[in-house]
Full PDB file with SEQRES, HELIX, SHEET, SSBOND, CRYST1, ORIGX, SCALE, CONECT and MASTER records, all heavy atoms in Angstrom:
SEQRES   1 A   38  LEU HIS ASN GLY ILE TYR ALA LEU ASP PHE LYS LEU MET          
SEQRES   2 A   38  ASP LYS LYS ASP SER LEU TYR VAL LEU GLU MET ARG ASN          
SEQRES   3 A   38  GLN PRO GLU VAL ALA ARG PHE MET LEU THR SER ASN              
HELIX    1 AA1 PHE A   10  LEU A   12  5                                   3    
HELIX    2 AA2 LYS A   15  ARG A   25  1                                  11    
HELIX    3 AA3 PRO A   28  ALA A   31  1                                   4    
CRYST1    1.000    1.000    1.000  90.00  90.00  90.00 P 1           1          
ORIGX1      1.000000  0.000000  0.000000        0.00000                         
ORIGX2      0.000000  1.000000  0.000000        0.00000                         
ORIGX3      0.000000  0.000000  1.000000        0.00000                         
SCALE1      1.000000  0.000000  0.000000        0.00000                         
SCALE2      0.000000  1.000000  0.000000        0.00000                         
SCALE3      0.000000  0.000000  1.000000        0.00000                         
ATOM      1  N   LEU A   1       0.853  -1.179   0.000  1.00  0.00           N  
ATOM      2  CA  LEU A   1       0.000   0.000   0.000  1.00  0.00           C  
ATOM      3  C   LEU A   1       0.890   1.230   0.000  1.00  0.00           C  
ATOM      4  O   LEU A   1       1.754   1.381   0.867  1.00  0.00           O  
ATOM      5  CB  LEU A   1      -0.915   0.007   1.229  1.00  0.00           C  
ATOM      6  CG  LEU A   1      -1.871   1.191   1.365  1.00  0.00           C  
ATOM      7  CD1 LEU A   1      -2.901   1.174   0.236  1.00  0.00           C  
ATOM      8  CD2 LEU A   1      -2.583   1.146   2.716  1.00  0.00           C  
ATOM      9  N   HIS A   2       0.688   2.118  -0.981  1.00  0.00           N  
ATOM     10  CA  HIS A   2       1.532   3.313  -1.078  1.00  0.00           C  
ATOM     11  C   HIS A   2       0.718   4.463  -1.644  1.00  0.00           C  
ATOM     12  O   HIS A   2       0.166   4.377  -2.749  1.00  0.00           O  
ATOM     13  CB  HIS A   2       2.735   3.030  -1.986  1.00  0.00           C  
ATOM     14  CG  HIS A   2       3.633   4.213  -2.176  1.00  0.00           C  
ATOM     15  ND1 HIS A   2       4.352   4.794  -1.145  1.00  0.00           N  
ATOM     16  CD2 HIS A   2       3.931   4.942  -3.297  1.00  0.00           C  
ATOM     17  CE1 HIS A   2       5.041   5.804  -1.607  1.00  0.00           C  
ATOM     18  NE2 HIS A   2       4.805   5.932  -2.897  1.00  0.00           N  
ATOM     19  N   ASN A   3       0.608   5.532  -0.869  1.00  0.00           N  
ATOM     20  CA  ASN A   3      -0.120   6.737  -1.302  1.00  0.00           C  
ATOM     21  C   ASN A   3      -1.528   6.421  -1.802  1.00  0.00           C  
ATOM     22  O   ASN A   3      -1.985   6.962  -2.814  1.00  0.00           O  
ATOM     23  CB  ASN A   3       0.674   7.471  -2.391  1.00  0.00           C  
ATOM     24  CG  ASN A   3       1.905   8.161  -1.841  1.00  0.00           C  
ATOM     25  OD1 ASN A   3       2.027   8.387  -0.636  1.00  0.00           O  
ATOM     26  ND2 ASN A   3       2.841   8.499  -2.728  1.00  0.00           N  
ATOM     27  N   GLY A   4      -2.203   5.549  -1.093  1.00  0.00           N  
ATOM     28  CA  GLY A   4      -3.578   5.206  -1.438  1.00  0.00           C  
ATOM     29  C   GLY A   4      -3.725   4.195  -2.557  1.00  0.00           C  
ATOM     30  O   GLY A   4      -4.842   3.830  -2.929  1.00  0.00           O  
ATOM     31  N   ILE A   5      -2.610   3.721  -3.103  1.00  0.00           N  
ATOM     32  CA  ILE A   5      -2.634   2.717  -4.171  1.00  0.00           C  
ATOM     33  C   ILE A   5      -2.329   1.357  -3.550  1.00  0.00           C  
ATOM     34  O   ILE A   5      -1.322   1.189  -2.860  1.00  0.00           O  
ATOM     35  CB  ILE A   5      -1.603   3.031  -5.266  1.00  0.00           C  
ATOM     36  CG1 ILE A   5      -1.802   4.452  -5.807  1.00  0.00           C  
ATOM     37  CG2 ILE A   5      -1.693   2.000  -6.385  1.00  0.00           C  
ATOM     38  CD1 ILE A   5      -3.115   4.662  -6.518  1.00  0.00           C  
ATOM     39  N   TYR A   6      -3.208   0.399  -3.809  1.00  0.00           N  
ATOM     40  CA  TYR A   6      -3.081  -0.938  -3.229  1.00  0.00           C  
ATOM     41  C   TYR A   6      -2.659  -1.919  -4.308  1.00  0.00           C  
ATOM     42  O   TYR A   6      -3.323  -2.043  -5.346  1.00  0.00           O  
ATOM     43  CB  TYR A   6      -4.419  -1.359  -2.618  1.00  0.00           C  
ATOM     44  CG  TYR A   6      -4.420  -2.711  -1.963  1.00  0.00           C  
ATOM     45  CD1 TYR A   6      -3.523  -3.012  -0.941  1.00  0.00           C  
ATOM     46  CD2 TYR A   6      -5.335  -3.684  -2.350  1.00  0.00           C  
ATOM     47  CE1 TYR A   6      -3.534  -4.249  -0.326  1.00  0.00           C  
ATOM     48  CE2 TYR A   6      -5.354  -4.929  -1.729  1.00  0.00           C  
ATOM     49  CZ  TYR A   6      -4.448  -5.201  -0.719  1.00  0.00           C  
ATOM     50  OH  TYR A   6      -4.457  -6.435  -0.115  1.00  0.00           O  
ATOM     51  N   ALA A   7      -1.522  -2.603  -4.100  1.00  0.00           N  
ATOM     52  CA  ALA A   7      -1.012  -3.590  -5.045  1.00  0.00           C  
ATOM     53  C   ALA A   7      -1.263  -4.985  -4.494  1.00  0.00           C  
ATOM     54  O   ALA A   7      -0.652  -5.384  -3.497  1.00  0.00           O  
ATOM     55  CB  ALA A   7       0.474  -3.367  -5.295  1.00  0.00           C  
ATOM     56  N   LEU A   8      -2.171  -5.714  -5.128  1.00  0.00           N  
ATOM     57  CA  LEU A   8      -2.570  -7.049  -4.698  1.00  0.00           C  
ATOM     58  C   LEU A   8      -1.774  -8.086  -5.484  1.00  0.00           C  
ATOM     59  O   LEU A   8      -1.867  -8.166  -6.712  1.00  0.00           O  
ATOM     60  CB  LEU A   8      -4.070  -7.241  -4.931  1.00  0.00           C  
ATOM     61  CG  LEU A   8      -4.637  -8.652  -4.771  1.00  0.00           C  
ATOM     62  CD1 LEU A   8      -4.439  -9.165  -3.350  1.00  0.00           C  
ATOM     63  CD2 LEU A   8      -6.127  -8.663  -5.128  1.00  0.00           C  
ATOM     64  N   ASP A   9      -0.985  -8.883  -4.764  1.00  0.00           N  
ATOM     65  CA  ASP A   9      -0.169  -9.918  -5.391  1.00  0.00           C  
ATOM     66  C   ASP A   9      -1.057 -10.904  -6.151  1.00  0.00           C  
ATOM     67  O   ASP A   9      -2.083 -11.353  -5.636  1.00  0.00           O  
ATOM     68  CB  ASP A   9       0.625 -10.660  -4.301  1.00  0.00           C  
ATOM     69  CG  ASP A   9       1.754 -11.507  -4.855  1.00  0.00           C  
ATOM     70  OD1 ASP A   9       1.492 -12.353  -5.732  1.00  0.00           O  
ATOM     71  OD2 ASP A   9       2.907 -11.334  -4.414  1.00  0.00           O  
ATOM     72  N   PHE A  10      -0.669 -11.226  -7.394  1.00  0.00           N  
ATOM     73  CA  PHE A  10      -1.436 -12.181  -8.194  1.00  0.00           C  
ATOM     74  C   PHE A  10      -1.665 -13.487  -7.440  1.00  0.00           C  
ATOM     75  O   PHE A  10      -2.706 -14.135  -7.606  1.00  0.00           O  
ATOM     76  CB  PHE A  10      -0.685 -12.492  -9.499  1.00  0.00           C  
ATOM     77  CG  PHE A  10      -1.085 -11.624 -10.665  1.00  0.00           C  
ATOM     78  CD1 PHE A  10      -1.523 -10.320 -10.469  1.00  0.00           C  
ATOM     79  CD2 PHE A  10      -0.997 -12.107 -11.964  1.00  0.00           C  
ATOM     80  CE1 PHE A  10      -1.888  -9.515 -11.549  1.00  0.00           C  
ATOM     81  CE2 PHE A  10      -1.361 -11.319 -13.051  1.00  0.00           C  
ATOM     82  CZ  PHE A  10      -1.809 -10.020 -12.841  1.00  0.00           C  
ATOM     83  N   LYS A  11      -0.713 -13.884  -6.602  1.00  0.00           N  
ATOM     84  CA  LYS A  11      -0.817 -15.157  -5.893  1.00  0.00           C  
ATOM     85  C   LYS A  11      -1.888 -15.124  -4.819  1.00  0.00           C  
ATOM     86  O   LYS A  11      -2.260 -16.175  -4.283  1.00  0.00           O  
ATOM     87  CB  LYS A  11       0.543 -15.533  -5.295  1.00  0.00           C  
ATOM     88  CG  LYS A  11       1.636 -15.752  -6.339  1.00  0.00           C  
ATOM     89  CD  LYS A  11       2.920 -16.291  -5.725  1.00  0.00           C  
ATOM     90  CE  LYS A  11       3.655 -15.301  -4.876  1.00  0.00           C  
ATOM     91  NZ  LYS A  11       4.235 -14.194  -5.693  1.00  0.00           N  
ATOM     92  N   LEU A  12      -2.382 -13.922  -4.485  1.00  0.00           N  
ATOM     93  CA  LEU A  12      -3.409 -13.788  -3.455  1.00  0.00           C  
ATOM     94  C   LEU A  12      -4.770 -13.385  -4.028  1.00  0.00           C  
ATOM     95  O   LEU A  12      -5.709 -13.144  -3.274  1.00  0.00           O  
ATOM     96  CB  LEU A  12      -2.969 -12.760  -2.409  1.00  0.00           C  
ATOM     97  CG  LEU A  12      -1.716 -13.119  -1.598  1.00  0.00           C  
ATOM     98  CD1 LEU A  12      -1.309 -11.967  -0.689  1.00  0.00           C  
ATOM     99  CD2 LEU A  12      -1.950 -14.388  -0.781  1.00  0.00           C  
ATOM    100  N   MET A  13      -4.879 -13.315  -5.335  1.00  0.00           N  
ATOM    101  CA  MET A  13      -6.154 -12.942  -5.948  1.00  0.00           C  
ATOM    102  C   MET A  13      -7.184 -14.062  -5.800  1.00  0.00           C  
ATOM    103  O   MET A  13      -6.841 -15.245  -5.807  1.00  0.00           O  
ATOM    104  CB  MET A  13      -5.976 -12.648  -7.448  1.00  0.00           C  
ATOM    105  CG  MET A  13      -5.187 -11.414  -7.758  1.00  0.00           C  
ATOM    106  SD  MET A  13      -5.292 -10.948  -9.522  1.00  0.00           S  
ATOM    107  CE  MET A  13      -4.625 -12.399 -10.328  1.00  0.00           C  
ATOM    108  N   ASP A  14      -8.465 -13.688  -5.696  1.00  0.00           N  
ATOM    109  CA  ASP A  14      -9.517 -14.687  -5.767  1.00  0.00           C  
ATOM    110  C   ASP A  14      -9.848 -14.924  -7.244  1.00  0.00           C  
ATOM    111  O   ASP A  14      -9.286 -14.294  -8.146  1.00  0.00           O  
ATOM    112  CB  ASP A  14     -10.747 -14.265  -4.956  1.00  0.00           C  
ATOM    113  CG  ASP A  14     -11.399 -12.984  -5.467  1.00  0.00           C  
ATOM    114  OD1 ASP A  14     -11.040 -12.511  -6.565  1.00  0.00           O  
ATOM    115  OD2 ASP A  14     -12.283 -12.457  -4.768  1.00  0.00           O  
ATOM    116  N   LYS A  15     -10.757 -15.857  -7.497  1.00  0.00           N  
ATOM    117  CA  LYS A  15     -11.063 -16.233  -8.875  1.00  0.00           C  
ATOM    118  C   LYS A  15     -11.662 -15.065  -9.659  1.00  0.00           C  
ATOM    119  O   LYS A  15     -11.365 -14.880 -10.847  1.00  0.00           O  
ATOM    120  CB  LYS A  15     -12.027 -17.419  -8.890  1.00  0.00           C  
ATOM    121  CG  LYS A  15     -12.290 -17.973 -10.293  1.00  0.00           C  
ATOM    122  CD  LYS A  15     -13.159 -19.224 -10.244  1.00  0.00           C  
ATOM    123  CE  LYS A  15     -13.382 -19.778 -11.646  1.00  0.00           C  
ATOM    124  NZ  LYS A  15     -14.225 -21.008 -11.610  1.00  0.00           N  
ATOM    125  N   LYS A  16     -12.482 -14.260  -8.990  1.00  0.00           N  
ATOM    126  CA  LYS A  16     -13.133 -13.138  -9.676  1.00  0.00           C  
ATOM    127  C   LYS A  16     -12.095 -12.126 -10.145  1.00  0.00           C  
ATOM    128  O   LYS A  16     -12.149 -11.645 -11.286  1.00  0.00           O  
ATOM    129  CB  LYS A  16     -14.158 -12.480  -8.749  1.00  0.00           C  
ATOM    130  CG  LYS A  16     -14.983 -11.392  -9.437  1.00  0.00           C  
ATOM    131  CD  LYS A  16     -16.011 -10.804  -8.477  1.00  0.00           C  
ATOM    132  CE  LYS A  16     -17.121 -11.773  -8.182  1.00  0.00           C  
ATOM    133  NZ  LYS A  16     -18.210 -11.124  -7.389  1.00  0.00           N  
ATOM    134  N   ASP A  17     -11.142 -11.791  -9.283  1.00  0.00           N  
ATOM    135  CA  ASP A  17     -10.072 -10.875  -9.673  1.00  0.00           C  
ATOM    136  C   ASP A  17      -9.233 -11.470 -10.798  1.00  0.00           C  
ATOM    137  O   ASP A  17      -8.847 -10.775 -11.738  1.00  0.00           O  
ATOM    138  CB  ASP A  17      -9.181 -10.550  -8.483  1.00  0.00           C  
ATOM    139  CG  ASP A  17      -9.757  -9.459  -7.594  1.00  0.00           C  
ATOM    140  OD1 ASP A  17     -10.688  -8.762  -8.041  1.00  0.00           O  
ATOM    141  OD2 ASP A  17      -9.274  -9.295  -6.462  1.00  0.00           O  
ATOM    142  N   SER A  18      -8.951 -12.761 -10.705  1.00  0.00           N  
ATOM    143  CA  SER A  18      -8.131 -13.426 -11.719  1.00  0.00           C  
ATOM    144  C   SER A  18      -8.801 -13.386 -13.089  1.00  0.00           C  
ATOM    145  O   SER A  18      -8.151 -13.140 -14.111  1.00  0.00           O  
ATOM    146  CB  SER A  18      -7.864 -14.880 -11.311  1.00  0.00           C  
ATOM    147  OG  SER A  18      -7.127 -14.942 -10.106  1.00  0.00           O  
ATOM    148  N   LEU A  19     -10.098 -13.620 -13.115  1.00  0.00           N  
ATOM    149  CA  LEU A  19     -10.834 -13.579 -14.379  1.00  0.00           C  
ATOM    150  C   LEU A  19     -10.892 -12.160 -14.939  1.00  0.00           C  
ATOM    151  O   LEU A  19     -10.865 -11.961 -16.160  1.00  0.00           O  
ATOM    152  CB  LEU A  19     -12.244 -14.134 -14.183  1.00  0.00           C  
ATOM    153  CG  LEU A  19     -12.334 -15.651 -13.983  1.00  0.00           C  
ATOM    154  CD1 LEU A  19     -13.761 -16.062 -13.617  1.00  0.00           C  
ATOM    155  CD2 LEU A  19     -11.882 -16.394 -15.248  1.00  0.00           C  
ATOM    156  N   TYR A  20     -10.947 -11.176 -14.062  1.00  0.00           N  
ATOM    157  CA  TYR A  20     -10.971  -9.790 -14.526  1.00  0.00           C  
ATOM    158  C   TYR A  20      -9.627  -9.421 -15.163  1.00  0.00           C  
ATOM    159  O   TYR A  20      -9.582  -8.704 -16.170  1.00  0.00           O  
ATOM    160  CB  TYR A  20     -11.293  -8.848 -13.367  1.00  0.00           C  
ATOM    161  CG  TYR A  20     -11.647  -7.454 -13.817  1.00  0.00           C  
ATOM    162  CD1 TYR A  20     -12.924  -7.149 -14.269  1.00  0.00           C  
ATOM    163  CD2 TYR A  20     -10.700  -6.430 -13.804  1.00  0.00           C  
ATOM    164  CE1 TYR A  20     -13.255  -5.867 -14.694  1.00  0.00           C  
ATOM    165  CE2 TYR A  20     -11.018  -5.149 -14.223  1.00  0.00           C  
ATOM    166  CZ  TYR A  20     -12.300  -4.873 -14.666  1.00  0.00           C  
ATOM    167  OH  TYR A  20     -12.619  -3.609 -15.104  1.00  0.00           O  
ATOM    168  N   VAL A  21      -8.533  -9.897 -14.574  1.00  0.00           N  
ATOM    169  CA  VAL A  21      -7.214  -9.669 -15.161  1.00  0.00           C  
ATOM    170  C   VAL A  21      -7.150 -10.274 -16.562  1.00  0.00           C  
ATOM    171  O   VAL A  21      -6.647  -9.648 -17.503  1.00  0.00           O  
ATOM    172  CB  VAL A  21      -6.105 -10.271 -14.270  1.00  0.00           C  
ATOM    173  CG1 VAL A  21      -4.759 -10.264 -15.007  1.00  0.00           C  
ATOM    174  CG2 VAL A  21      -5.981  -9.485 -12.976  1.00  0.00           C  
ATOM    175  N   LEU A  22      -7.669 -11.480 -16.716  1.00  0.00           N  
ATOM    176  CA  LEU A  22      -7.676 -12.130 -18.033  1.00  0.00           C  
ATOM    177  C   LEU A  22      -8.474 -11.311 -19.038  1.00  0.00           C  
ATOM    178  O   LEU A  22      -8.059 -11.145 -20.196  1.00  0.00           O  
ATOM    179  CB  LEU A  22      -8.271 -13.535 -17.913  1.00  0.00           C  
ATOM    180  CG  LEU A  22      -8.418 -14.331 -19.218  1.00  0.00           C  
ATOM    181  CD1 LEU A  22      -7.059 -14.560 -19.867  1.00  0.00           C  
ATOM    182  CD2 LEU A  22      -9.127 -15.655 -18.959  1.00  0.00           C  
ATOM    183  N   GLU A  23      -9.609 -10.777 -18.606  1.00  0.00           N  
ATOM    184  CA  GLU A  23     -10.443  -9.959 -19.490  1.00  0.00           C  
ATOM    185  C   GLU A  23      -9.702  -8.690 -19.911  1.00  0.00           C  
ATOM    186  O   GLU A  23      -9.746  -8.297 -21.090  1.00  0.00           O  
ATOM    187  CB  GLU A  23     -11.750  -9.609 -18.776  1.00  0.00           C  
ATOM    188  CG  GLU A  23     -12.772  -8.926 -19.669  1.00  0.00           C  
ATOM    189  CD  GLU A  23     -14.090  -8.657 -18.960  1.00  0.00           C  
ATOM    190  OE1 GLU A  23     -14.196  -8.978 -17.757  1.00  0.00           O  
ATOM    191  OE2 GLU A  23     -15.000  -8.110 -19.603  1.00  0.00           O  
ATOM    192  N   MET A  24      -9.010  -8.046 -18.971  1.00  0.00           N  
ATOM    193  CA  MET A  24      -8.233  -6.855 -19.310  1.00  0.00           C  
ATOM    194  C   MET A  24      -7.114  -7.201 -20.286  1.00  0.00           C  
ATOM    195  O   MET A  24      -6.893  -6.510 -21.289  1.00  0.00           O  
ATOM    196  CB  MET A  24      -7.623  -6.231 -18.044  1.00  0.00           C  
ATOM    197  CG  MET A  24      -8.590  -5.536 -17.128  1.00  0.00           C  
ATOM    198  SD  MET A  24      -7.726  -4.529 -15.865  1.00  0.00           S  
ATOM    199  CE  MET A  24      -6.831  -5.794 -14.951  1.00  0.00           C  
ATOM    200  N   ARG A  25      -6.398  -8.278 -19.975  1.00  0.00           N  
ATOM    201  CA  ARG A  25      -5.223  -8.667 -20.772  1.00  0.00           C  
ATOM    202  C   ARG A  25      -5.589  -8.986 -22.221  1.00  0.00           C  
ATOM    203  O   ARG A  25      -4.814  -8.708 -23.152  1.00  0.00           O  
ATOM    204  CB  ARG A  25      -4.553  -9.866 -20.094  1.00  0.00           C  
ATOM    205  CG  ARG A  25      -3.509 -10.611 -20.919  1.00  0.00           C  
ATOM    206  CD  ARG A  25      -2.358  -9.733 -21.343  1.00  0.00           C  
ATOM    207  NE  ARG A  25      -1.381 -10.467 -22.105  1.00  0.00           N  
ATOM    208  CZ  ARG A  25      -1.509 -10.816 -23.389  1.00  0.00           C  
ATOM    209  NH1 ARG A  25      -2.594 -10.454 -24.057  1.00  0.00           N  
ATOM    210  NH2 ARG A  25      -0.557 -11.483 -24.008  1.00  0.00           N  
ATOM    211  N   ASN A  26      -6.754  -9.559 -22.447  1.00  0.00           N  
ATOM    212  CA  ASN A  26      -7.152  -9.951 -23.793  1.00  0.00           C  
ATOM    213  C   ASN A  26      -7.939  -8.878 -24.534  1.00  0.00           C  
ATOM    214  O   ASN A  26      -8.314  -9.073 -25.693  1.00  0.00           O  
ATOM    215  CB  ASN A  26      -7.966 -11.246 -23.751  1.00  0.00           C  
ATOM    216  CG  ASN A  26      -7.078 -12.470 -23.567  1.00  0.00           C  
ATOM    217  OD1 ASN A  26      -5.881 -12.438 -23.836  1.00  0.00           O  
ATOM    218  ND2 ASN A  26      -7.670 -13.561 -23.091  1.00  0.00           N  
ATOM    219  N   GLN A  27      -8.184  -7.741 -23.869  1.00  0.00           N  
ATOM    220  CA  GLN A  27      -8.854  -6.651 -24.560  1.00  0.00           C  
ATOM    221  C   GLN A  27      -7.917  -6.123 -25.648  1.00  0.00           C  
ATOM    222  O   GLN A  27      -6.725  -5.927 -25.410  1.00  0.00           O  
ATOM    223  CB  GLN A  27      -9.195  -5.552 -23.543  1.00  0.00           C  
ATOM    224  CG  GLN A  27     -10.346  -4.663 -23.933  1.00  0.00           C  
ATOM    225  CD  GLN A  27      -9.896  -3.511 -24.830  1.00  0.00           C  
ATOM    226  OE1 GLN A  27      -8.717  -3.217 -24.940  1.00  0.00           O  
ATOM    227  NE2 GLN A  27     -10.854  -2.848 -25.455  1.00  0.00           N  
ATOM    228  N   PRO A  28      -8.412  -5.926 -26.875  1.00  0.00           N  
ATOM    229  CA  PRO A  28      -7.539  -5.568 -28.005  1.00  0.00           C  
ATOM    230  C   PRO A  28      -6.617  -4.385 -27.749  1.00  0.00           C  
ATOM    231  O   PRO A  28      -5.461  -4.384 -28.207  1.00  0.00           O  
ATOM    232  CB  PRO A  28      -8.540  -5.264 -29.123  1.00  0.00           C  
ATOM    233  CG  PRO A  28      -9.725  -6.120 -28.802  1.00  0.00           C  
ATOM    234  CD  PRO A  28      -9.810  -6.124 -27.300  1.00  0.00           C  
ATOM    235  N   GLU A  29      -7.084  -3.379 -27.013  1.00  0.00           N  
ATOM    236  CA  GLU A  29      -6.269  -2.202 -26.731  1.00  0.00           C  
ATOM    237  C   GLU A  29      -5.002  -2.565 -25.958  1.00  0.00           C  
ATOM    238  O   GLU A  29      -3.954  -1.928 -26.121  1.00  0.00           O  
ATOM    239  CB  GLU A  29      -7.096  -1.185 -25.932  1.00  0.00           C  
ATOM    240  CG  GLU A  29      -6.358   0.101 -25.577  1.00  0.00           C  
ATOM    241  CD  GLU A  29      -7.207   1.031 -24.728  1.00  0.00           C  
ATOM    242  OE1 GLU A  29      -8.451   0.945 -24.806  1.00  0.00           O  
ATOM    243  OE2 GLU A  29      -6.627   1.844 -24.000  1.00  0.00           O  
ATOM    244  N   VAL A  30      -5.105  -3.592 -25.109  1.00  0.00           N  
ATOM    245  CA  VAL A  30      -3.962  -4.048 -24.319  1.00  0.00           C  
ATOM    246  C   VAL A  30      -3.168  -5.107 -25.080  1.00  0.00           C  
ATOM    247  O   VAL A  30      -1.939  -5.049 -25.171  1.00  0.00           O  
ATOM    248  CB  VAL A  30      -4.435  -4.626 -22.962  1.00  0.00           C  
ATOM    249  CG1 VAL A  30      -3.272  -5.245 -22.196  1.00  0.00           C  
ATOM    250  CG2 VAL A  30      -5.104  -3.536 -22.129  1.00  0.00           C  
ATOM    251  N   ALA A  31      -3.879  -6.083 -25.658  1.00  0.00           N  
ATOM    252  CA  ALA A  31      -3.230  -7.242 -26.268  1.00  0.00           C  
ATOM    253  C   ALA A  31      -2.346  -6.897 -27.454  1.00  0.00           C  
ATOM    254  O   ALA A  31      -1.361  -7.593 -27.730  1.00  0.00           O  
ATOM    255  CB  ALA A  31      -4.294  -8.263 -26.695  1.00  0.00           C  
ATOM    256  N   ARG A  32      -2.646  -5.821 -28.165  1.00  0.00           N  
ATOM    257  CA  ARG A  32      -1.897  -5.518 -29.383  1.00  0.00           C  
ATOM    258  C   ARG A  32      -0.450  -5.133 -29.116  1.00  0.00           C  
ATOM    259  O   ARG A  32       0.383  -5.148 -30.030  1.00  0.00           O  
ATOM    260  CB  ARG A  32      -2.589  -4.404 -30.182  1.00  0.00           C  
ATOM    261  CG  ARG A  32      -2.612  -3.036 -29.537  1.00  0.00           C  
ATOM    262  CD  ARG A  32      -3.574  -2.123 -30.272  1.00  0.00           C  
ATOM    263  NE  ARG A  32      -3.645  -0.779 -29.718  1.00  0.00           N  
ATOM    264  CZ  ARG A  32      -3.067   0.276 -30.285  1.00  0.00           C  
ATOM    265  NH1 ARG A  32      -2.395   0.128 -31.417  1.00  0.00           N  
ATOM    266  NH2 ARG A  32      -3.176   1.467 -29.734  1.00  0.00           N  
ATOM    267  N   PHE A  33      -0.109  -4.828 -27.851  1.00  0.00           N  
ATOM    268  CA  PHE A  33       1.272  -4.492 -27.525  1.00  0.00           C  
ATOM    269  C   PHE A  33       1.957  -5.588 -26.705  1.00  0.00           C  
ATOM    270  O   PHE A  33       3.052  -5.390 -26.177  1.00  0.00           O  
ATOM    271  CB  PHE A  33       1.332  -3.173 -26.768  1.00  0.00           C  
ATOM    272  CG  PHE A  33       0.942  -1.986 -27.615  1.00  0.00           C  
ATOM    273  CD1 PHE A  33      -0.179  -1.232 -27.308  1.00  0.00           C  
ATOM    274  CD2 PHE A  33       1.696  -1.636 -28.728  1.00  0.00           C  
ATOM    275  CE1 PHE A  33      -0.540  -0.140 -28.089  1.00  0.00           C  
ATOM    276  CE2 PHE A  33       1.342  -0.540 -29.519  1.00  0.00           C  
ATOM    277  CZ  PHE A  33       0.220   0.194 -29.208  1.00  0.00           C  
ATOM    278  N   MET A  34       1.311  -6.760 -26.609  1.00  0.00           N  
ATOM    279  CA  MET A  34       1.894  -7.884 -25.882  1.00  0.00           C  
ATOM    280  C   MET A  34       2.615  -8.824 -26.849  1.00  0.00           C  
ATOM    281  O   MET A  34       2.436  -8.756 -28.061  1.00  0.00           O  
ATOM    282  CB  MET A  34       0.790  -8.646 -25.135  1.00  0.00           C  
ATOM    283  CG  MET A  34       0.063  -7.817 -24.094  1.00  0.00           C  
ATOM    284  SD  MET A  34       1.183  -7.309 -22.764  1.00  0.00           S  
ATOM    285  CE  MET A  34       0.029  -6.504 -21.648  1.00  0.00           C  
ATOM    286  N   LEU A  35       3.417  -9.730 -26.290  1.00  0.00           N  
ATOM    287  CA  LEU A  35       4.125 -10.697 -27.123  1.00  0.00           C  
ATOM    288  C   LEU A  35       3.158 -11.638 -27.823  1.00  0.00           C  
ATOM    289  O   LEU A  35       3.405 -12.080 -28.946  1.00  0.00           O  
ATOM    290  CB  LEU A  35       5.117 -11.500 -26.274  1.00  0.00           C  
ATOM    291  CG  LEU A  35       6.292 -10.712 -25.686  1.00  0.00           C  
ATOM    292  CD1 LEU A  35       7.203 -11.631 -24.894  1.00  0.00           C  
ATOM    293  CD2 LEU A  35       7.082 -10.013 -26.772  1.00  0.00           C  
ATOM    294  N   THR A  36       2.051 -11.958 -27.154  1.00  0.00           N  
ATOM    295  CA  THR A  36       1.009 -12.790 -27.749  1.00  0.00           C  
ATOM    296  C   THR A  36      -0.309 -12.031 -27.691  1.00  0.00           C  
ATOM    297  O   THR A  36      -0.589 -11.339 -26.710  1.00  0.00           O  
ATOM    298  CB  THR A  36       0.863 -14.136 -27.008  1.00  0.00           C  
ATOM    299  OG1 THR A  36       0.656 -13.886 -25.612  1.00  0.00           O  
ATOM    300  CG2 THR A  36       2.125 -14.975 -27.167  1.00  0.00           C  
ATOM    301  N   SER A  37      -1.112 -12.194 -28.732  1.00  0.00           N  
ATOM    302  CA  SER A  37      -2.344 -11.414 -28.817  1.00  0.00           C  
ATOM    303  C   SER A  37      -3.353 -11.803 -27.749  1.00  0.00           C  
ATOM    304  O   SER A  37      -3.951 -10.943 -27.103  1.00  0.00           O  
ATOM    305  CB  SER A  37      -2.964 -11.581 -30.210  1.00  0.00           C  
ATOM    306  OG  SER A  37      -2.096 -11.081 -31.198  1.00  0.00           O  
ATOM    307  N   ASN A  38      -3.555 -13.102 -27.571  1.00  0.00           N  
ATOM    308  CA  ASN A  38      -4.547 -13.569 -26.611  1.00  0.00           C  
ATOM    309  C   ASN A  38      -4.001 -14.749 -25.827  1.00  0.00           C  
ATOM    310  O   ASN A  38      -3.191 -15.528 -26.327  1.00  0.00           O  
ATOM    311  CB  ASN A  38      -5.841 -13.976 -27.317  1.00  0.00           C  
ATOM    312  CG  ASN A  38      -6.633 -12.794 -27.820  1.00  0.00           C  
ATOM    313  OD1 ASN A  38      -6.376 -12.300 -28.908  1.00  0.00           O  
ATOM    314  ND2 ASN A  38      -7.590 -12.332 -27.036  1.00  0.00           N  
TER     315      ASN A  38                                                      
MASTER        0    0    0    3    0    0    0    6  314    1    0    3          
END                                                                             
């Protein structure tokens, strides 16, 4: 926790948070600059 920003370790995420990360990662705006598209 730093200046009101909370960083949650991936290893401590619940399933709902994990699925949301996957949804963000595969959104075209994000995926187009990754090593793999999806």
